[in-house]
Protein backbone atom coordinates (compact mmCIF):
# COMPACT_ATOMS: atom_id res chain seq x y z
CA MET A 1 -5.03 -67.43 155.97
CA ALA A 2 -8.09 -65.57 154.73
CA THR A 3 -7.27 -63.33 158.25
CA LYS A 4 -3.80 -62.61 157.25
CA LEU A 5 -4.83 -62.09 153.95
CA LYS A 6 -7.81 -59.42 155.03
CA LEU A 7 -5.69 -57.48 157.00
CA PHE A 8 -2.68 -57.37 154.44
CA SER A 9 -5.37 -55.87 151.94
CA ALA A 10 -6.25 -53.62 154.90
CA LEU A 11 -3.00 -52.50 155.87
CA CYS A 12 -2.42 -51.65 152.06
CA ILE A 13 -5.19 -49.57 151.65
CA MET A 14 -4.64 -47.84 154.63
CA MET A 15 -0.71 -47.18 153.71
CA ALA A 16 -2.01 -46.07 150.04
CA PHE A 17 -4.36 -43.37 151.61
CA SER A 18 -1.58 -42.27 154.06
CA MET A 19 1.06 -41.75 151.22
CA PRO A 20 0.74 -37.44 150.80
CA PRO A 21 -0.15 -37.00 147.24
CA LYS A 22 2.81 -36.00 144.29
CA LYS A 23 3.33 -32.39 144.25
CA LYS A 24 2.54 -30.55 140.84
CA ILE A 25 5.40 -29.78 138.83
CA THR A 26 6.66 -27.65 135.89
CA ILE A 27 9.14 -28.73 133.48
CA TRP A 28 10.09 -25.72 132.00
CA LEU A 29 12.08 -26.29 128.41
CA ILE A 30 14.40 -23.51 127.34
CA GLY A 31 16.54 -23.63 123.79
CA ASP A 32 15.80 -23.72 120.18
CA SER A 33 14.60 -25.06 117.31
CA THR A 34 15.17 -28.49 117.86
CA MET A 35 13.37 -28.14 120.92
CA SER A 36 10.04 -25.36 120.39
CA VAL A 37 7.15 -25.58 119.60
CA LYS A 38 6.29 -25.42 115.87
CA GLU A 39 3.97 -22.97 113.98
CA VAL A 40 1.20 -24.84 111.83
CA LYS A 41 3.23 -23.00 108.57
CA ALA A 42 6.14 -25.12 109.16
CA TYR A 43 4.46 -28.32 109.41
CA PRO A 44 6.04 -31.00 109.52
CA GLU A 45 8.50 -29.53 111.45
CA THR A 46 8.22 -30.53 114.73
CA GLY A 47 10.63 -30.21 117.40
CA TRP A 48 11.44 -32.78 120.26
CA GLY A 49 9.81 -30.94 123.18
CA MET A 50 6.20 -31.34 121.61
CA PRO A 51 5.97 -34.83 121.75
CA PHE A 52 7.61 -34.75 124.54
CA ALA A 53 5.25 -33.37 126.79
CA ASN A 54 2.27 -35.83 126.54
CA PHE A 55 4.39 -38.68 128.25
CA TRP A 56 3.98 -37.04 131.43
CA ASP A 57 0.94 -37.62 134.37
CA SER A 58 -1.10 -35.22 135.46
CA THR A 59 1.48 -34.45 138.13
CA VAL A 60 3.02 -32.37 135.63
CA ALA A 61 3.04 -30.00 133.13
CA VAL A 62 5.63 -29.02 130.36
CA ASP A 63 5.70 -25.42 129.45
CA ASN A 64 8.24 -24.83 126.43
CA ARG A 65 9.71 -21.70 125.90
CA ALA A 66 12.55 -23.23 123.51
CA LYS A 67 12.02 -20.75 120.35
CA ASN A 68 14.13 -21.28 116.75
CA GLY A 69 17.20 -19.21 116.42
CA ARG A 70 17.89 -18.50 119.78
CA SER A 71 21.20 -18.98 122.16
CA THR A 72 21.62 -18.36 125.45
CA ARG A 73 22.74 -14.77 125.30
CA THR A 74 19.56 -14.01 122.82
CA PHE A 75 17.41 -16.09 125.02
CA ILE A 76 18.12 -13.99 128.22
CA GLY A 77 18.64 -10.42 125.99
CA GLU A 78 15.24 -10.88 124.63
CA LYS A 79 13.89 -10.97 128.61
CA ARG A 80 12.64 -15.12 127.82
CA TRP A 81 14.33 -16.84 130.67
CA ASP A 82 13.06 -13.77 133.09
CA PRO A 83 9.70 -15.06 133.27
CA VAL A 84 10.10 -18.38 133.86
CA VAL A 85 12.37 -17.55 136.88
CA GLN A 86 9.61 -15.66 138.39
CA ASN A 87 7.49 -18.09 137.82
CA MET A 88 9.37 -21.30 138.46
CA GLU A 89 8.49 -22.62 141.77
CA GLU A 90 10.30 -25.57 144.33
CA GLY A 91 10.82 -28.88 142.98
CA ASP A 92 10.02 -27.83 139.37
CA TYR A 93 12.73 -28.63 136.20
CA VAL A 94 14.44 -26.56 133.83
CA PHE A 95 15.80 -28.88 131.00
CA ILE A 96 18.70 -26.29 129.18
CA GLN A 97 19.63 -27.16 125.13
CA PHE A 98 21.53 -24.67 123.35
CA GLY A 99 24.21 -24.96 121.56
CA HIS A 100 23.36 -24.90 117.77
CA ASN A 101 23.27 -21.61 117.35
CA ASP A 102 25.67 -20.37 119.75
CA GLU A 103 28.24 -22.75 117.73
CA VAL A 104 28.03 -20.65 114.43
CA PRO A 105 30.38 -16.92 114.05
CA ALA A 106 28.52 -15.80 111.13
CA LYS A 107 25.12 -15.93 113.03
CA LYS A 108 24.25 -12.76 115.26
CA SER A 109 23.17 -15.04 117.95
CA TYR A 110 27.26 -16.50 118.12
CA VAL A 111 27.98 -16.53 121.65
CA PRO A 112 32.08 -17.82 121.80
CA GLU A 113 33.02 -20.34 123.89
CA ARG A 114 33.63 -18.61 127.16
CA GLU A 115 30.66 -16.82 127.67
CA PHE A 116 28.69 -19.67 126.54
CA LYS A 117 30.09 -21.87 129.74
CA ALA A 118 29.27 -18.91 131.70
CA TYR A 119 25.80 -18.14 130.14
CA LEU A 120 24.89 -21.48 131.26
CA ILE A 121 26.24 -21.59 134.97
CA LYS A 122 23.89 -18.21 135.01
CA TYR A 123 20.82 -20.72 134.10
CA VAL A 124 22.03 -23.53 136.73
CA THR A 125 22.49 -21.09 139.50
CA ASP A 126 19.41 -18.87 138.95
CA THR A 127 16.89 -22.57 138.80
CA ARG A 128 18.96 -23.03 142.07
CA ASN A 129 18.46 -19.85 143.85
CA LYS A 130 14.80 -20.56 143.32
CA LYS A 131 15.21 -24.37 144.44
CA ALA A 132 14.23 -26.09 141.17
CA ASN A 133 15.76 -28.90 139.59
CA PRO A 134 18.24 -27.82 136.56
CA VAL A 135 19.10 -30.23 134.02
CA LEU A 136 21.47 -29.42 131.29
CA ILE A 137 21.20 -31.37 127.94
CA THR A 138 23.79 -31.28 124.82
CA PRO A 139 23.05 -29.80 121.56
CA VAL A 140 20.94 -32.54 119.48
CA ALA A 141 23.48 -34.01 116.46
CA ARG A 142 22.78 -32.81 113.08
CA ARG A 143 22.28 -35.53 110.22
CA LYS A 144 25.58 -35.24 108.65
CA PHE A 145 27.16 -38.67 107.26
CA ASP A 146 30.70 -39.41 105.51
CA SER A 147 31.14 -40.90 102.39
CA THR A 148 31.73 -44.27 103.78
CA GLY A 149 28.06 -43.84 105.56
CA HIS A 150 29.68 -42.47 109.72
CA ILE A 151 27.67 -40.44 111.42
CA GLN A 152 30.51 -37.37 111.92
CA GLU A 153 30.46 -34.97 115.00
CA THR A 154 28.73 -31.46 114.46
CA HIS A 155 28.92 -30.00 118.23
CA ALA A 156 32.55 -31.11 119.04
CA VAL A 157 33.61 -28.22 121.48
CA TYR A 158 30.34 -26.70 122.55
CA ALA A 159 28.57 -30.04 123.36
CA GLN A 160 31.81 -30.60 125.14
CA ILE A 161 30.99 -27.16 127.28
CA VAL A 162 27.76 -29.01 128.53
CA ARG A 163 29.16 -31.35 129.65
CA ASP A 164 31.98 -29.49 131.85
CA VAL A 165 29.13 -27.50 133.21
CA ALA A 166 27.49 -30.41 134.13
CA SER A 167 30.31 -31.90 135.84
CA GLU A 168 31.84 -29.63 137.48
CA ASN A 169 28.37 -27.93 138.85
CA ASN A 170 27.28 -31.33 139.66
CA VAL A 171 24.26 -30.98 137.35
CA PRO A 172 22.36 -34.14 136.06
CA LEU A 173 23.27 -34.53 132.20
CA ILE A 174 21.46 -35.74 129.45
CA ASP A 175 23.87 -36.33 126.44
CA LEU A 176 21.98 -35.95 123.45
CA ASP A 177 24.24 -35.02 121.25
CA GLN A 178 26.09 -38.56 121.30
CA LYS A 179 22.67 -40.75 122.14
CA SER A 180 20.89 -38.65 118.75
CA GLU A 181 24.72 -39.75 117.15
CA GLN A 182 23.47 -43.29 117.84
CA LEU A 183 20.24 -42.88 116.71
CA PHE A 184 21.30 -41.65 113.09
CA GLN A 185 24.20 -44.31 112.64
CA GLN A 186 21.42 -47.03 113.87
CA SER A 187 19.31 -45.36 110.79
CA GLY A 188 22.08 -44.90 108.36
CA PRO A 189 21.99 -42.15 105.57
CA ASP A 190 19.02 -42.74 103.69
CA ALA A 191 15.96 -43.91 106.89
CA SER A 192 17.60 -41.36 108.75
CA LYS A 193 15.42 -38.82 106.12
CA TYR A 194 12.43 -39.83 107.97
CA LEU A 195 13.58 -38.34 111.00
CA PHE A 196 14.16 -35.09 109.60
CA ASN A 197 12.48 -32.61 107.33
CA TYR A 198 13.05 -33.91 104.29
CA LEU A 199 10.05 -33.01 101.62
CA ALA A 200 9.65 -34.00 97.72
CA PRO A 201 8.43 -31.26 95.36
CA GLY A 202 5.08 -30.81 95.62
CA GLU A 203 4.79 -33.15 99.07
CA ASN A 204 3.43 -30.63 101.32
CA PRO A 205 1.42 -27.36 100.95
CA ASN A 206 4.13 -25.53 103.28
CA TYR A 207 7.02 -26.58 101.23
CA PRO A 208 5.83 -26.71 97.15
CA ASP A 209 10.00 -27.05 96.47
CA GLY A 210 10.80 -29.26 98.41
CA LYS A 211 12.89 -29.31 101.69
CA GLN A 212 16.07 -30.74 103.07
CA ASP A 213 16.83 -30.50 106.43
CA ASP A 214 19.26 -32.28 108.39
CA THR A 215 18.79 -29.82 111.60
CA HIS A 216 14.95 -29.86 112.01
CA PHE A 217 13.06 -33.63 112.68
CA SER A 218 9.54 -34.67 111.25
CA GLU A 219 7.36 -35.48 113.39
CA LEU A 220 9.07 -39.58 113.62
CA GLY A 221 11.77 -37.47 114.55
CA ALA A 222 10.80 -35.63 116.95
CA ARG A 223 9.32 -38.09 119.15
CA ARG A 224 12.25 -40.87 118.63
CA VAL A 225 14.78 -37.89 119.97
CA ALA A 226 11.87 -37.18 122.56
CA GLU A 227 12.24 -41.17 123.63
CA LEU A 228 15.66 -40.70 124.05
CA VAL A 229 15.82 -37.92 126.52
CA LEU A 230 12.70 -39.83 128.64
CA ALA A 231 15.34 -43.16 128.58
CA GLU A 232 18.27 -40.24 130.14
CA ILE A 233 15.66 -39.56 132.47
CA LYS A 234 15.25 -42.93 133.49
CA ASN A 235 18.90 -43.70 133.45
CA LEU A 236 19.33 -40.86 135.83
CA LYS A 237 17.04 -41.86 138.62
CA LEU A 238 15.62 -38.48 138.42
CA GLU A 239 12.79 -38.29 140.52
CA LEU A 240 10.92 -37.54 137.06
CA ALA A 241 10.97 -41.07 136.10
CA GLU A 242 8.36 -41.98 138.44
CA ARG A 243 5.80 -39.92 136.51
CA ILE A 244 6.18 -40.75 133.08
CA VAL A 245 3.44 -42.57 131.04
CA LYS A 246 2.68 -43.80 127.92
CA PRO A 247 1.05 -41.18 125.94
CA SER A 248 -2.70 -41.93 125.25
CA LYS A 249 -3.04 -41.91 121.88
CA GLU A 250 0.01 -44.41 120.60
């Protein structure tokens, strides 16, 4: 029996050494302010891409290129997409989350529905041309409740366009609009404020008059949204799921 155990142990060690190491990859994040890295002057406002970067093993680098106020069109127009395409490598992932700024006609970043779809397809096509992996993400929900305490849909049209592009082009989809709505509903109208940048006057020197922001997250909210994205990566059974670890500081 002892001999068999020794042989089995030796075989396991040999297999471990014979397995090739995982290729190092980059996860590129492109999108808007709900995902982006924030300046110190915006604290405690936090993009979900910030805590997201802490959940990966040493084979993964997260390069967060998301920027406040950007849409599918302006991200390209400002030459923010070009360096991503130039630097991405085979096996990398590109997480694409737009919609907040595309869908508002009053904004300079507005993108009509048909163009929004075309830009999403361009991101997918450019990524695949570099033999990298696109992942489409619906825009994360805003905190909007009706008088009865039920969360309201705030991205119906543009979130559906993202779903359609994902379905028609066989792209993995993370439906963050739907998942975040569920999270906010579970929290309720009052407790959900802790997930967003809600501050009383005098509570934070960056916002001396206080803040009531139903779009941008607190540190807690950003982490909870990042955890939604990570859970969906596992549900989709992306190869990336094997590289998820707990952050070093819990």
